[in-house]
Each structure stands twice: as structure tokens, then as C-alpha cells.
Amino acid sequence: MPETLCILERISTDIRKPAKSVVFRQGESADFIYFIQSGALRIDYQLEDGRNLVLDFLWPDRFLGTVENEVYAWSAIALVDVHLKRLRRSAVQTLAQDYPSVMDLLLQQKSASLIAAKNHIILMSCPTATNKLIGFLLDYSTRAEYFNHTTQVLTLVMSRKDIADYLGMTFETTSRVFKYLETKNYIKKINHRQIQLNIRMLKDA
């Protein structure tokens, strides 16, 4: 993969986006593929009735915009300041003709997206709102850049509304479950963005 990324580096442009800014919007012409160097993104899907679904959260070393046809099927929003590599789709396709490893890498990324979608479906199938939120917190705690294993403090880069939209719950339900977990000592609120997890209790729940 490092060698393939070096090949792609030749045709990439560095871009930086501040937190809460839009990388691309659902329905826009899908001219570019992006690679996340640092930061985190939220992937949104807007329903026809105006409701918003959060499909995924993306972290460094992930591509996005690889599965689209002529337009982006969803929107990408920066959760924190992000550093991206932007590659024109037509240039990537041309490069892949001479370097098959480029296409192999993109296929691996598509597979990663499918696995993430499967895991999301499994999480959504949890029987209760409490199970869903616990599953989310445990999964998110595997992100080393946002979870301190020594202190067990987890930094939430997404809002509670983002979490609610990702889990298919209302904001009110999500807030209530957070409060319940805090009352039962599964978590401890540090500030509006940080919580301390009791990993053992969460895993046993």
C-alpha cells in the first residue's frame, strides 16, 4: 500500500478543510476521489423527506468517493480540521492502466466500505437503544487517537445528534441513554466532548 500511495501522490493535491465544512455534497458531480491524511469525516445521506442519516464516520488512511458513478451518492462533512489528498477521478483511472496496484487498492477500499456498512447494520439491529449506544462507544474506543487507554477517556469528535442519526435514534433518546449510562457508572462525563469509559462494565452489559 505505501508504494501505491506514492504512485497516487504524483497526481494528488493537498487540501485542508476546517471543522464543520463540506468536502462534497450529495448530488454533486463526482469528479474527485479523496484520501484522508488526518482528521475525521461524517458521511451523510439526505432522504427525500428531509431527514438526515449518518452512514459512517471516516478516519485517516481511508479513501472516499470511490464508489460513485457520475454524482456523489452522499455528503462528506469535516468533524474536525482535516487534511486530505484530492485526486481527479479521470487521472486515477488513467494511472490504473499502467499500475494495476492502484485499482487493487481502490477495490480494497470498496471492500472496507462494505464491511463498515455491514457492521453498521449489525449495530442498528441491537435490541435496545442502550445496546446500540454501548456498541457504538466500544467500537469508537478502538480509535487510538481519540481514546486514552491509561485514563479511559474518550474524546467525542461528533455531536450527540450525529450519534443519534448514526444509530437511528432520536436526539432525546440518545441523551437519555447517555444519562442512564452515567447514572449507572458505565461512563463519567468529563466535559461536553469527553467521557470516561468503564470498559469492563460496558463489555459485560
N, C-alpha and C. Protein backbone atom coordinates (compact mmCIF):
# COMPACT_ATOMS: atom_id res chain seq x y z
N MET A 1 0.82 -1.22 0.00
CA MET A 1 0.00 0.00 0.00
C MET A 1 0.85 1.27 0.00
N PRO A 2 1.92 1.37 0.80
CA PRO A 2 2.73 2.59 0.76
C PRO A 2 3.26 2.93 -0.62
N GLU A 3 3.69 1.90 -1.38
CA GLU A 3 4.20 2.14 -2.73
C GLU A 3 3.10 2.68 -3.64
N THR A 4 1.91 2.11 -3.50
CA THR A 4 0.79 2.56 -4.32
C THR A 4 0.40 3.99 -3.98
N LEU A 5 0.44 4.32 -2.69
CA LEU A 5 0.13 5.70 -2.28
C LEU A 5 1.15 6.68 -2.84
N CYS A 6 2.41 6.24 -2.93
CA CYS A 6 3.44 7.10 -3.53
C CYS A 6 3.14 7.36 -5.00
N ILE A 7 2.63 6.34 -5.68
CA ILE A 7 2.25 6.49 -7.10
C ILE A 7 1.11 7.51 -7.22
N LEU A 8 0.12 7.38 -6.34
CA LEU A 8 -1.02 8.29 -6.37
C LEU A 8 -0.64 9.71 -5.97
N GLU A 9 0.43 9.82 -5.18
CA GLU A 9 0.91 11.13 -4.74
C GLU A 9 1.22 12.04 -5.93
N ARG A 10 1.64 11.44 -7.03
CA ARG A 10 2.02 12.21 -8.22
C ARG A 10 0.86 13.03 -8.78
N ILE A 11 -0.35 12.54 -8.60
CA ILE A 11 -1.49 13.21 -9.21
C ILE A 11 -2.42 13.82 -8.16
N SER A 12 -1.96 13.88 -6.91
CA SER A 12 -2.82 14.37 -5.84
C SER A 12 -2.54 15.83 -5.50
N THR A 13 -3.54 16.46 -4.93
CA THR A 13 -3.44 17.83 -4.44
C THR A 13 -3.77 17.85 -2.96
N ASP A 14 -2.96 18.54 -2.18
CA ASP A 14 -3.23 18.67 -0.75
C ASP A 14 -4.32 19.71 -0.53
N ILE A 15 -5.32 19.36 0.24
CA ILE A 15 -6.33 20.34 0.63
C ILE A 15 -6.61 20.18 2.12
N ARG A 16 -6.96 21.28 2.74
CA ARG A 16 -7.31 21.28 4.16
C ARG A 16 -8.69 21.90 4.34
N LYS A 17 -9.47 21.27 5.17
CA LYS A 17 -10.83 21.74 5.43
C LYS A 17 -11.02 21.93 6.93
N PRO A 18 -11.57 23.07 7.34
CA PRO A 18 -11.81 23.26 8.78
C PRO A 18 -13.00 22.44 9.25
N ALA A 19 -13.09 22.26 10.55
CA ALA A 19 -14.20 21.53 11.14
C ALA A 19 -15.54 22.12 10.70
N LYS A 20 -16.49 21.23 10.44
CA LYS A 20 -17.87 21.56 10.05
C LYS A 20 -18.01 22.00 8.60
N SER A 21 -16.92 22.00 7.84
CA SER A 21 -17.02 22.39 6.43
C SER A 21 -17.37 21.18 5.57
N VAL A 22 -17.87 21.46 4.37
CA VAL A 22 -18.31 20.42 3.44
C VAL A 22 -17.18 20.07 2.48
N VAL A 23 -16.88 18.78 2.36
CA VAL A 23 -15.90 18.33 1.36
C VAL A 23 -16.59 18.19 0.02
N PHE A 24 -17.72 17.50 0.00
CA PHE A 24 -18.59 17.46 -1.19
C PHE A 24 -20.01 17.17 -0.74
N ARG A 25 -20.95 17.54 -1.60
CA ARG A 25 -22.37 17.37 -1.27
C ARG A 25 -23.01 16.27 -2.12
N GLN A 26 -23.98 15.64 -1.54
CA GLN A 26 -24.78 14.64 -2.24
C GLN A 26 -25.36 15.25 -3.51
N GLY A 27 -25.18 14.56 -4.64
CA GLY A 27 -25.72 15.04 -5.91
C GLY A 27 -24.75 15.84 -6.74
N GLU A 28 -23.60 16.26 -6.16
CA GLU A 28 -22.60 16.99 -6.93
C GLU A 28 -21.86 16.04 -7.86
N SER A 29 -21.32 16.59 -8.93
CA SER A 29 -20.55 15.79 -9.88
C SER A 29 -19.36 15.15 -9.17
N ALA A 30 -19.22 13.83 -9.32
CA ALA A 30 -18.19 13.07 -8.60
C ALA A 30 -16.88 13.09 -9.39
N ASP A 31 -16.26 14.26 -9.44
CA ASP A 31 -15.04 14.42 -10.22
C ASP A 31 -13.79 13.97 -9.48
N PHE A 32 -13.86 13.90 -8.15
CA PHE A 32 -12.66 13.64 -7.35
C PHE A 32 -12.82 12.46 -6.39
N ILE A 33 -11.71 11.83 -6.11
CA ILE A 33 -11.57 10.83 -5.05
C ILE A 33 -10.70 11.47 -3.98
N TYR A 34 -10.98 11.18 -2.72
CA TYR A 34 -10.24 11.79 -1.62
C TYR A 34 -9.59 10.71 -0.75
N PHE A 35 -8.45 11.07 -0.18
CA PHE A 35 -7.77 10.20 0.78
C PHE A 35 -7.54 11.01 2.05
N ILE A 36 -7.94 10.46 3.19
CA ILE A 36 -7.85 11.18 4.46
C ILE A 36 -6.45 11.01 5.05
N GLN A 37 -5.74 12.12 5.14
CA GLN A 37 -4.42 12.10 5.78
C GLN A 37 -4.55 12.21 7.30
N SER A 38 -5.39 13.12 7.75
CA SER A 38 -5.62 13.28 9.18
C SER A 38 -6.99 13.90 9.39
N GLY A 39 -7.52 13.72 10.60
CA GLY A 39 -8.84 14.26 10.90
C GLY A 39 -9.93 13.20 10.81
N ALA A 40 -11.17 13.62 10.73
CA ALA A 40 -12.31 12.71 10.70
C ALA A 40 -13.45 13.35 9.92
N LEU A 41 -14.20 12.51 9.20
CA LEU A 41 -15.32 12.98 8.39
C LEU A 41 -16.60 12.25 8.77
N ARG A 42 -17.71 12.91 8.55
CA ARG A 42 -19.03 12.31 8.72
C ARG A 42 -19.65 12.15 7.34
N ILE A 43 -20.23 10.99 7.07
CA ILE A 43 -20.87 10.73 5.78
C ILE A 43 -22.39 10.79 5.97
N ASP A 44 -23.03 11.74 5.31
CA ASP A 44 -24.47 11.98 5.45
C ASP A 44 -25.23 11.57 4.20
N TYR A 45 -26.47 11.11 4.41
CA TYR A 45 -27.38 10.84 3.30
C TYR A 45 -28.69 11.54 3.59
N GLN A 46 -29.10 12.41 2.67
CA GLN A 46 -30.33 13.18 2.83
C GLN A 46 -31.48 12.45 2.17
N LEU A 47 -32.51 12.12 2.96
CA LEU A 47 -33.70 11.48 2.41
C LEU A 47 -34.58 12.51 1.72
N GLU A 48 -35.47 12.04 0.86
CA GLU A 48 -36.36 12.94 0.12
C GLU A 48 -37.28 13.73 1.04
N ASP A 49 -37.60 13.15 2.21
CA ASP A 49 -38.50 13.84 3.13
C ASP A 49 -37.75 14.84 4.02
N GLY A 50 -36.44 15.01 3.77
CA GLY A 50 -35.67 15.99 4.51
C GLY A 50 -34.89 15.43 5.69
N ARG A 51 -35.18 14.19 6.07
CA ARG A 51 -34.45 13.60 7.18
C ARG A 51 -33.02 13.30 6.78
N ASN A 52 -32.12 13.35 7.76
CA ASN A 52 -30.70 13.10 7.50
C ASN A 52 -30.26 11.81 8.19
N LEU A 53 -29.54 10.97 7.45
CA LEU A 53 -28.96 9.76 8.01
C LEU A 53 -27.44 9.92 8.04
N VAL A 54 -26.83 9.51 9.12
CA VAL A 54 -25.36 9.44 9.17
C VAL A 54 -24.98 8.00 8.84
N LEU A 55 -24.33 7.81 7.71
CA LEU A 55 -23.99 6.47 7.25
C LEU A 55 -22.70 5.94 7.85
N ASP A 56 -21.75 6.84 8.11
CA ASP A 56 -20.46 6.37 8.58
C ASP A 56 -19.64 7.54 9.11
N PHE A 57 -18.61 7.20 9.88
CA PHE A 57 -17.58 8.14 10.27
C PHE A 57 -16.27 7.61 9.69
N LEU A 58 -15.53 8.46 9.02
CA LEU A 58 -14.31 8.02 8.35
C LEU A 58 -13.08 8.63 9.01
N TRP A 59 -12.02 7.83 9.07
CA TRP A 59 -10.80 8.18 9.78
C TRP A 59 -9.61 8.17 8.83
N PRO A 60 -8.42 8.55 9.30
CA PRO A 60 -7.24 8.56 8.43
C PRO A 60 -6.98 7.23 7.73
N ASP A 61 -6.34 7.33 6.57
CA ASP A 61 -5.97 6.19 5.73
C ASP A 61 -7.17 5.56 5.03
N ARG A 62 -8.26 6.31 4.91
CA ARG A 62 -9.41 5.84 4.16
C ARG A 62 -9.64 6.72 2.93
N PHE A 63 -10.06 6.08 1.85
CA PHE A 63 -10.48 6.80 0.66
C PHE A 63 -11.98 7.05 0.75
N LEU A 64 -12.44 8.09 0.09
CA LEU A 64 -13.87 8.30 -0.07
C LEU A 64 -14.12 8.85 -1.47
N GLY A 65 -15.32 8.57 -1.96
CA GLY A 65 -15.64 8.97 -3.33
C GLY A 65 -15.25 7.93 -4.36
N THR A 66 -14.99 6.69 -3.89
CA THR A 66 -14.53 5.66 -4.83
C THR A 66 -15.67 4.88 -5.47
N VAL A 67 -16.86 4.91 -4.87
CA VAL A 67 -17.95 4.04 -5.35
C VAL A 67 -19.00 4.78 -6.18
N GLU A 68 -18.80 6.07 -6.35
CA GLU A 68 -19.80 6.86 -7.07
C GLU A 68 -19.72 6.63 -8.58
N ASN A 69 -20.82 6.97 -9.25
CA ASN A 69 -20.83 6.96 -10.70
C ASN A 69 -20.61 8.39 -11.19
N GLU A 70 -21.66 9.08 -11.63
CA GLU A 70 -21.49 10.44 -12.12
C GLU A 70 -21.62 11.48 -11.01
N VAL A 71 -22.37 11.15 -9.96
CA VAL A 71 -22.54 12.10 -8.87
C VAL A 71 -22.28 11.41 -7.54
N TYR A 72 -21.96 12.22 -6.52
CA TYR A 72 -21.76 11.67 -5.18
C TYR A 72 -23.11 11.23 -4.61
N ALA A 73 -23.13 10.03 -4.05
CA ALA A 73 -24.37 9.48 -3.50
C ALA A 73 -24.67 10.01 -2.11
N TRP A 74 -23.69 10.70 -1.49
CA TRP A 74 -23.87 11.22 -0.14
C TRP A 74 -22.96 12.42 0.04
N SER A 75 -23.05 13.04 1.20
CA SER A 75 -22.23 14.22 1.51
C SER A 75 -21.14 13.83 2.51
N ALA A 76 -20.02 14.56 2.44
CA ALA A 76 -18.92 14.35 3.38
C ALA A 76 -18.67 15.66 4.12
N ILE A 77 -18.74 15.61 5.45
CA ILE A 77 -18.60 16.79 6.30
C ILE A 77 -17.42 16.58 7.25
N ALA A 78 -16.59 17.61 7.41
CA ALA A 78 -15.46 17.52 8.33
C ALA A 78 -15.95 17.63 9.78
N LEU A 79 -15.60 16.66 10.60
CA LEU A 79 -15.94 16.72 12.03
C LEU A 79 -14.93 17.56 12.79
N VAL A 80 -13.69 17.47 12.37
CA VAL A 80 -12.59 18.28 12.91
C VAL A 80 -11.80 18.80 11.71
N ASP A 81 -10.77 19.58 11.94
CA ASP A 81 -9.93 20.02 10.83
C ASP A 81 -9.35 18.78 10.15
N VAL A 82 -9.44 18.75 8.83
CA VAL A 82 -8.97 17.58 8.10
C VAL A 82 -7.93 17.97 7.05
N HIS A 83 -7.02 17.04 6.81
CA HIS A 83 -6.02 17.16 5.75
C HIS A 83 -6.31 16.03 4.78
N LEU A 84 -6.59 16.39 3.53
CA LEU A 84 -6.98 15.42 2.51
C LEU A 84 -6.05 15.47 1.31
N LYS A 85 -5.95 14.34 0.63
CA LYS A 85 -5.37 14.28 -0.70
C LYS A 85 -6.53 14.19 -1.69
N ARG A 86 -6.55 15.08 -2.66
CA ARG A 86 -7.63 15.07 -3.65
C ARG A 86 -7.06 14.60 -4.99
N LEU A 87 -7.73 13.63 -5.60
CA LEU A 87 -7.26 13.06 -6.86
C LEU A 87 -8.39 13.12 -7.88
N ARG A 88 -8.09 13.65 -9.04
CA ARG A 88 -9.12 13.69 -10.08
C ARG A 88 -9.39 12.27 -10.55
N ARG A 89 -10.66 11.91 -10.58
CA ARG A 89 -11.06 10.54 -10.90
C ARG A 89 -10.50 10.07 -12.25
N SER A 90 -10.58 10.91 -13.26
CA SER A 90 -10.11 10.52 -14.59
C SER A 90 -8.61 10.24 -14.58
N ALA A 91 -7.85 11.00 -13.76
CA ALA A 91 -6.40 10.79 -13.68
C ALA A 91 -6.09 9.47 -12.98
N VAL A 92 -6.89 9.13 -11.96
CA VAL A 92 -6.70 7.86 -11.26
C VAL A 92 -6.97 6.70 -12.21
N GLN A 93 -8.01 6.81 -13.01
CA GLN A 93 -8.36 5.75 -13.95
C GLN A 93 -7.26 5.56 -14.99
N THR A 94 -6.68 6.67 -15.45
CA THR A 94 -5.58 6.59 -16.41
C THR A 94 -4.35 5.95 -15.78
N LEU A 95 -4.04 6.35 -14.56
CA LEU A 95 -2.87 5.82 -13.86
C LEU A 95 -3.02 4.32 -13.60
N ALA A 96 -4.25 3.89 -13.33
CA ALA A 96 -4.51 2.48 -13.02
C ALA A 96 -4.22 1.57 -14.22
N GLN A 97 -4.25 2.13 -15.43
CA GLN A 97 -3.95 1.33 -16.61
C GLN A 97 -2.50 0.88 -16.63
N ASP A 98 -1.60 1.72 -16.09
CA ASP A 98 -0.18 1.39 -16.04
C ASP A 98 0.24 0.75 -14.72
N TYR A 99 -0.55 1.00 -13.67
CA TYR A 99 -0.22 0.47 -12.34
C TYR A 99 -1.45 -0.26 -11.77
N PRO A 100 -1.55 -1.56 -12.04
CA PRO A 100 -2.72 -2.33 -11.55
C PRO A 100 -2.90 -2.26 -10.04
N SER A 101 -1.81 -2.00 -9.30
CA SER A 101 -1.92 -1.93 -7.84
C SER A 101 -2.83 -0.79 -7.40
N VAL A 102 -2.96 0.24 -8.24
CA VAL A 102 -3.86 1.36 -7.93
C VAL A 102 -5.30 0.86 -7.87
N MET A 103 -5.69 0.09 -8.87
CA MET A 103 -7.06 -0.44 -8.88
C MET A 103 -7.26 -1.44 -7.74
N ASP A 104 -6.22 -2.23 -7.45
CA ASP A 104 -6.32 -3.18 -6.33
C ASP A 104 -6.58 -2.44 -5.02
N LEU A 105 -5.88 -1.32 -4.83
CA LEU A 105 -6.04 -0.53 -3.61
C LEU A 105 -7.46 0.02 -3.50
N LEU A 106 -7.99 0.53 -4.60
CA LEU A 106 -9.34 1.08 -4.59
C LEU A 106 -10.38 -0.01 -4.33
N LEU A 107 -10.12 -1.20 -4.85
CA LEU A 107 -11.03 -2.32 -4.58
C LEU A 107 -10.99 -2.71 -3.10
N GLN A 108 -9.80 -2.64 -2.51
CA GLN A 108 -9.69 -2.91 -1.07
C GLN A 108 -10.50 -1.89 -0.28
N GLN A 109 -10.46 -0.64 -0.73
CA GLN A 109 -11.21 0.40 -0.03
C GLN A 109 -12.71 0.19 -0.17
N LYS A 110 -13.14 -0.27 -1.34
CA LYS A 110 -14.56 -0.56 -1.51
C LYS A 110 -14.98 -1.70 -0.58
N SER A 111 -14.09 -2.70 -0.44
CA SER A 111 -14.38 -3.81 0.47
C SER A 111 -14.48 -3.31 1.91
N ALA A 112 -13.59 -2.38 2.27
CA ALA A 112 -13.62 -1.80 3.62
C ALA A 112 -14.93 -1.06 3.85
N SER A 113 -15.43 -0.38 2.82
CA SER A 113 -16.70 0.33 2.93
C SER A 113 -17.85 -0.65 3.13
N LEU A 114 -17.81 -1.78 2.45
CA LEU A 114 -18.85 -2.79 2.61
C LEU A 114 -18.83 -3.40 4.00
N ILE A 115 -17.63 -3.64 4.52
CA ILE A 115 -17.51 -4.19 5.88
C ILE A 115 -18.05 -3.20 6.90
N ALA A 116 -17.72 -1.91 6.70
CA ALA A 116 -18.22 -0.87 7.60
C ALA A 116 -19.75 -0.81 7.56
N ALA A 117 -20.32 -0.94 6.35
CA ALA A 117 -21.78 -0.93 6.22
C ALA A 117 -22.40 -2.13 6.92
N LYS A 118 -21.75 -3.29 6.81
CA LYS A 118 -22.25 -4.49 7.48
C LYS A 118 -22.22 -4.31 9.00
N ASN A 119 -21.12 -3.76 9.52
CA ASN A 119 -21.00 -3.54 10.96
C ASN A 119 -22.04 -2.53 11.45
N HIS A 120 -22.34 -1.54 10.60
CA HIS A 120 -23.36 -0.55 10.94
C HIS A 120 -24.73 -1.22 11.05
N ILE A 121 -25.02 -2.10 10.12
CA ILE A 121 -26.30 -2.82 10.13
C ILE A 121 -26.41 -3.68 11.38
N ILE A 122 -25.31 -4.36 11.75
CA ILE A 122 -25.31 -5.19 12.95
C ILE A 122 -25.57 -4.34 14.19
N LEU A 123 -24.92 -3.17 14.24
CA LEU A 123 -25.12 -2.27 15.38
C LEU A 123 -26.57 -1.79 15.44
N MET A 124 -27.13 -1.46 14.27
CA MET A 124 -28.50 -0.98 14.22
C MET A 124 -29.50 -2.06 14.65
N SER A 125 -29.09 -3.32 14.53
CA SER A 125 -30.00 -4.42 14.86
C SER A 125 -30.00 -4.76 16.34
N CYS A 126 -29.17 -4.07 17.13
CA CYS A 126 -29.17 -4.30 18.58
C CYS A 126 -30.58 -4.07 19.13
N PRO A 127 -31.02 -4.90 20.09
CA PRO A 127 -32.43 -4.87 20.51
C PRO A 127 -32.87 -3.61 21.25
N THR A 128 -31.94 -2.92 21.91
CA THR A 128 -32.34 -1.74 22.69
C THR A 128 -31.46 -0.55 22.36
N ALA A 129 -31.94 0.63 22.68
CA ALA A 129 -31.17 1.85 22.47
C ALA A 129 -29.88 1.82 23.30
N THR A 130 -29.96 1.26 24.49
CA THR A 130 -28.78 1.16 25.36
C THR A 130 -27.72 0.28 24.72
N ASN A 131 -28.13 -0.87 24.18
CA ASN A 131 -27.19 -1.76 23.50
C ASN A 131 -26.53 -1.07 22.31
N LYS A 132 -27.31 -0.30 21.57
CA LYS A 132 -26.78 0.40 20.41
C LYS A 132 -25.70 1.39 20.82
N LEU A 133 -25.98 2.19 21.84
CA LEU A 133 -25.02 3.21 22.25
C LEU A 133 -23.77 2.57 22.86
N ILE A 134 -23.93 1.53 23.64
CA ILE A 134 -22.77 0.84 24.20
C ILE A 134 -21.91 0.26 23.09
N GLY A 135 -22.56 -0.36 22.10
CA GLY A 135 -21.81 -0.91 20.97
C GLY A 135 -21.04 0.17 20.23
N PHE A 136 -21.68 1.31 20.06
CA PHE A 136 -21.00 2.43 19.38
C PHE A 136 -19.79 2.90 20.18
N LEU A 137 -19.94 3.09 21.48
CA LEU A 137 -18.85 3.58 22.32
C LEU A 137 -17.68 2.60 22.33
N LEU A 138 -17.98 1.31 22.41
CA LEU A 138 -16.90 0.31 22.40
C LEU A 138 -16.18 0.29 21.06
N ASP A 139 -16.92 0.40 19.98
CA ASP A 139 -16.29 0.42 18.66
C ASP A 139 -15.45 1.68 18.48
N TYR A 140 -15.98 2.80 18.91
CA TYR A 140 -15.27 4.07 18.76
C TYR A 140 -14.01 4.11 19.62
N SER A 141 -14.02 3.40 20.75
CA SER A 141 -12.86 3.40 21.64
C SER A 141 -11.66 2.68 21.02
N THR A 142 -11.84 2.02 19.89
CA THR A 142 -10.71 1.39 19.21
C THR A 142 -9.90 2.41 18.42
N ARG A 143 -10.40 3.66 18.31
CA ARG A 143 -9.66 4.72 17.63
C ARG A 143 -8.64 5.29 18.61
N ALA A 144 -7.39 4.87 18.45
CA ALA A 144 -6.34 5.23 19.42
C ALA A 144 -6.16 6.74 19.56
N GLU A 145 -6.40 7.48 18.46
CA GLU A 145 -6.18 8.92 18.53
C GLU A 145 -7.22 9.65 19.37
N TYR A 146 -8.33 8.97 19.67
CA TYR A 146 -9.40 9.62 20.43
C TYR A 146 -9.70 8.92 21.77
N PHE A 147 -9.00 7.81 22.04
CA PHE A 147 -9.22 7.10 23.29
C PHE A 147 -7.90 6.89 24.02
N ASN A 148 -7.83 7.39 25.25
CA ASN A 148 -6.64 7.23 26.08
C ASN A 148 -6.80 5.96 26.92
N HIS A 149 -6.04 4.94 26.62
CA HIS A 149 -6.20 3.66 27.31
C HIS A 149 -5.81 3.75 28.78
N THR A 150 -4.92 4.67 29.11
CA THR A 150 -4.49 4.81 30.51
C THR A 150 -5.59 5.42 31.36
N THR A 151 -6.17 6.50 30.88
CA THR A 151 -7.22 7.18 31.64
C THR A 151 -8.62 6.71 31.27
N GLN A 152 -8.73 5.97 30.14
CA GLN A 152 -10.01 5.51 29.58
C GLN A 152 -10.93 6.68 29.21
N VAL A 153 -10.32 7.80 28.87
CA VAL A 153 -11.10 8.97 28.44
C VAL A 153 -11.27 8.93 26.93
N LEU A 154 -12.51 9.05 26.49
CA LEU A 154 -12.86 9.04 25.08
C LEU A 154 -13.26 10.45 24.66
N THR A 155 -12.66 10.95 23.60
CA THR A 155 -12.99 12.27 23.07
C THR A 155 -13.97 12.10 21.91
N LEU A 156 -15.14 12.68 22.04
CA LEU A 156 -16.18 12.58 21.01
C LEU A 156 -16.01 13.72 20.01
N VAL A 157 -15.61 13.40 18.80
CA VAL A 157 -15.47 14.45 17.79
C VAL A 157 -16.79 14.72 17.08
N MET A 158 -17.73 13.82 17.26
CA MET A 158 -19.06 14.02 16.68
C MET A 158 -20.03 14.47 17.78
N SER A 159 -21.11 15.13 17.37
CA SER A 159 -22.11 15.59 18.34
C SER A 159 -23.04 14.44 18.72
N ARG A 160 -23.81 14.66 19.75
CA ARG A 160 -24.78 13.63 20.14
C ARG A 160 -25.87 13.47 19.08
N LYS A 161 -26.15 14.54 18.37
CA LYS A 161 -27.11 14.43 17.27
C LYS A 161 -26.53 13.55 16.16
N ASP A 162 -25.23 13.70 15.88
CA ASP A 162 -24.58 12.84 14.89
C ASP A 162 -24.70 11.38 15.31
N ILE A 163 -24.45 11.11 16.59
CA ILE A 163 -24.53 9.74 17.10
C ILE A 163 -25.96 9.22 16.97
N ALA A 164 -26.93 10.07 17.32
CA ALA A 164 -28.34 9.69 17.20
C ALA A 164 -28.69 9.34 15.76
N ASP A 165 -28.28 10.19 14.83
CA ASP A 165 -28.57 9.95 13.41
C ASP A 165 -27.87 8.69 12.91
N TYR A 166 -26.69 8.39 13.43
CA TYR A 166 -25.95 7.20 13.02
C TYR A 166 -26.63 5.93 13.56
N LEU A 167 -27.17 6.01 14.76
CA LEU A 167 -27.78 4.85 15.40
C LEU A 167 -29.26 4.71 15.09
N GLY A 168 -29.81 5.67 14.34
CA GLY A 168 -31.22 5.60 14.01
C GLY A 168 -32.12 5.88 15.20
N MET A 169 -31.66 6.73 16.10
CA MET A 169 -32.43 7.07 17.29
C MET A 169 -32.70 8.57 17.30
N THR A 170 -33.65 8.99 18.13
CA THR A 170 -33.88 10.43 18.28
C THR A 170 -32.80 11.02 19.19
N PHE A 171 -32.64 12.32 19.08
CA PHE A 171 -31.67 13.01 19.94
C PHE A 171 -32.06 12.83 21.40
N GLU A 172 -33.36 12.91 21.68
CA GLU A 172 -33.84 12.80 23.05
C GLU A 172 -33.52 11.42 23.64
N THR A 173 -33.73 10.38 22.84
CA THR A 173 -33.42 9.02 23.30
C THR A 173 -31.93 8.85 23.56
N THR A 174 -31.13 9.37 22.66
CA THR A 174 -29.68 9.26 22.81
C THR A 174 -29.21 9.98 24.07
N SER A 175 -29.73 11.17 24.31
CA SER A 175 -29.38 11.92 25.51
C SER A 175 -29.81 11.17 26.77
N ARG A 176 -30.98 10.56 26.71
CA ARG A 176 -31.48 9.81 27.87
C ARG A 176 -30.60 8.60 28.17
N VAL A 177 -30.15 7.91 27.12
CA VAL A 177 -29.29 6.73 27.33
C VAL A 177 -27.92 7.15 27.85
N PHE A 178 -27.39 8.26 27.35
CA PHE A 178 -26.13 8.78 27.89
C PHE A 178 -26.28 9.03 29.39
N LYS A 179 -27.39 9.64 29.76
CA LYS A 179 -27.64 9.95 31.18
C LYS A 179 -27.77 8.67 31.99
N TYR A 180 -28.45 7.69 31.44
CA TYR A 180 -28.61 6.40 32.12
C TYR A 180 -27.25 5.74 32.36
N LEU A 181 -26.39 5.73 31.33
CA LEU A 181 -25.07 5.11 31.46
C LEU A 181 -24.22 5.84 32.51
N GLU A 182 -24.42 7.16 32.57
CA GLU A 182 -23.68 7.94 33.56
C GLU A 182 -24.19 7.62 34.97
N THR A 183 -25.50 7.53 35.12
CA THR A 183 -26.10 7.23 36.42
C THR A 183 -25.66 5.86 36.94
N LYS A 184 -25.52 4.90 36.03
CA LYS A 184 -25.13 3.54 36.40
C LYS A 184 -23.62 3.34 36.43
N ASN A 185 -22.87 4.44 36.24
CA ASN A 185 -21.40 4.41 36.32
C ASN A 185 -20.72 3.64 35.19
N TYR A 186 -21.44 3.47 34.07
CA TYR A 186 -20.79 2.91 32.88
C TYR A 186 -19.85 3.95 32.26
N ILE A 187 -20.25 5.20 32.38
CA ILE A 187 -19.44 6.30 31.86
C ILE A 187 -19.44 7.43 32.88
N LYS A 188 -18.47 8.31 32.73
CA LYS A 188 -18.42 9.51 33.56
C LYS A 188 -18.15 10.70 32.66
N LYS A 189 -19.01 11.71 32.73
CA LYS A 189 -18.84 12.89 31.90
C LYS A 189 -17.70 13.76 32.43
N ILE A 190 -16.75 14.07 31.56
CA ILE A 190 -15.64 14.96 31.91
C ILE A 190 -15.99 16.39 31.51
N ASN A 191 -16.41 16.56 30.25
CA ASN A 191 -16.89 17.83 29.73
C ASN A 191 -17.81 17.52 28.55
N HIS A 192 -18.20 18.52 27.78
CA HIS A 192 -19.19 18.28 26.72
C HIS A 192 -18.64 17.42 25.58
N ARG A 193 -17.31 17.20 25.54
CA ARG A 193 -16.72 16.40 24.47
C ARG A 193 -16.01 15.15 24.96
N GLN A 194 -15.79 15.03 26.25
CA GLN A 194 -15.02 13.91 26.77
C GLN A 194 -15.79 13.14 27.83
N ILE A 195 -15.71 11.82 27.74
CA ILE A 195 -16.30 10.95 28.75
C ILE A 195 -15.28 9.88 29.12
N GLN A 196 -15.35 9.45 30.36
CA GLN A 196 -14.50 8.35 30.81
C GLN A 196 -15.32 7.07 30.77
N LEU A 197 -14.78 6.05 30.13
CA LEU A 197 -15.50 4.79 29.98
C LEU A 197 -15.07 3.80 31.04
N ASN A 198 -16.03 3.03 31.53
CA ASN A 198 -15.73 1.84 32.33
C ASN A 198 -15.83 0.67 31.36
N ILE A 199 -14.71 0.36 30.70
CA ILE A 199 -14.70 -0.62 29.62
C ILE A 199 -15.22 -1.97 30.08
N ARG A 200 -14.79 -2.39 31.28
CA ARG A 200 -15.20 -3.71 31.78
C ARG A 200 -16.72 -3.78 31.91
N MET A 201 -17.31 -2.75 32.51
CA MET A 201 -18.77 -2.76 32.69
C MET A 201 -19.50 -2.70 31.36
N LEU A 202 -18.97 -1.89 30.43
CA LEU A 202 -19.62 -1.77 29.12
C LEU A 202 -19.58 -3.10 28.38
N LYS A 203 -18.47 -3.81 28.46
CA LYS A 203 -18.36 -5.09 27.77
C LYS A 203 -19.25 -6.16 28.41
N ASP A 204 -19.49 -6.02 29.70
CA ASP A 204 -20.33 -7.01 30.40
C ASP A 204 -21.81 -6.69 30.30
N ALA A 205 -22.14 -5.49 29.80
CA ALA A 205 -23.55 -5.07 29.76
C ALA A 205 -24.35 -5.93 28.78
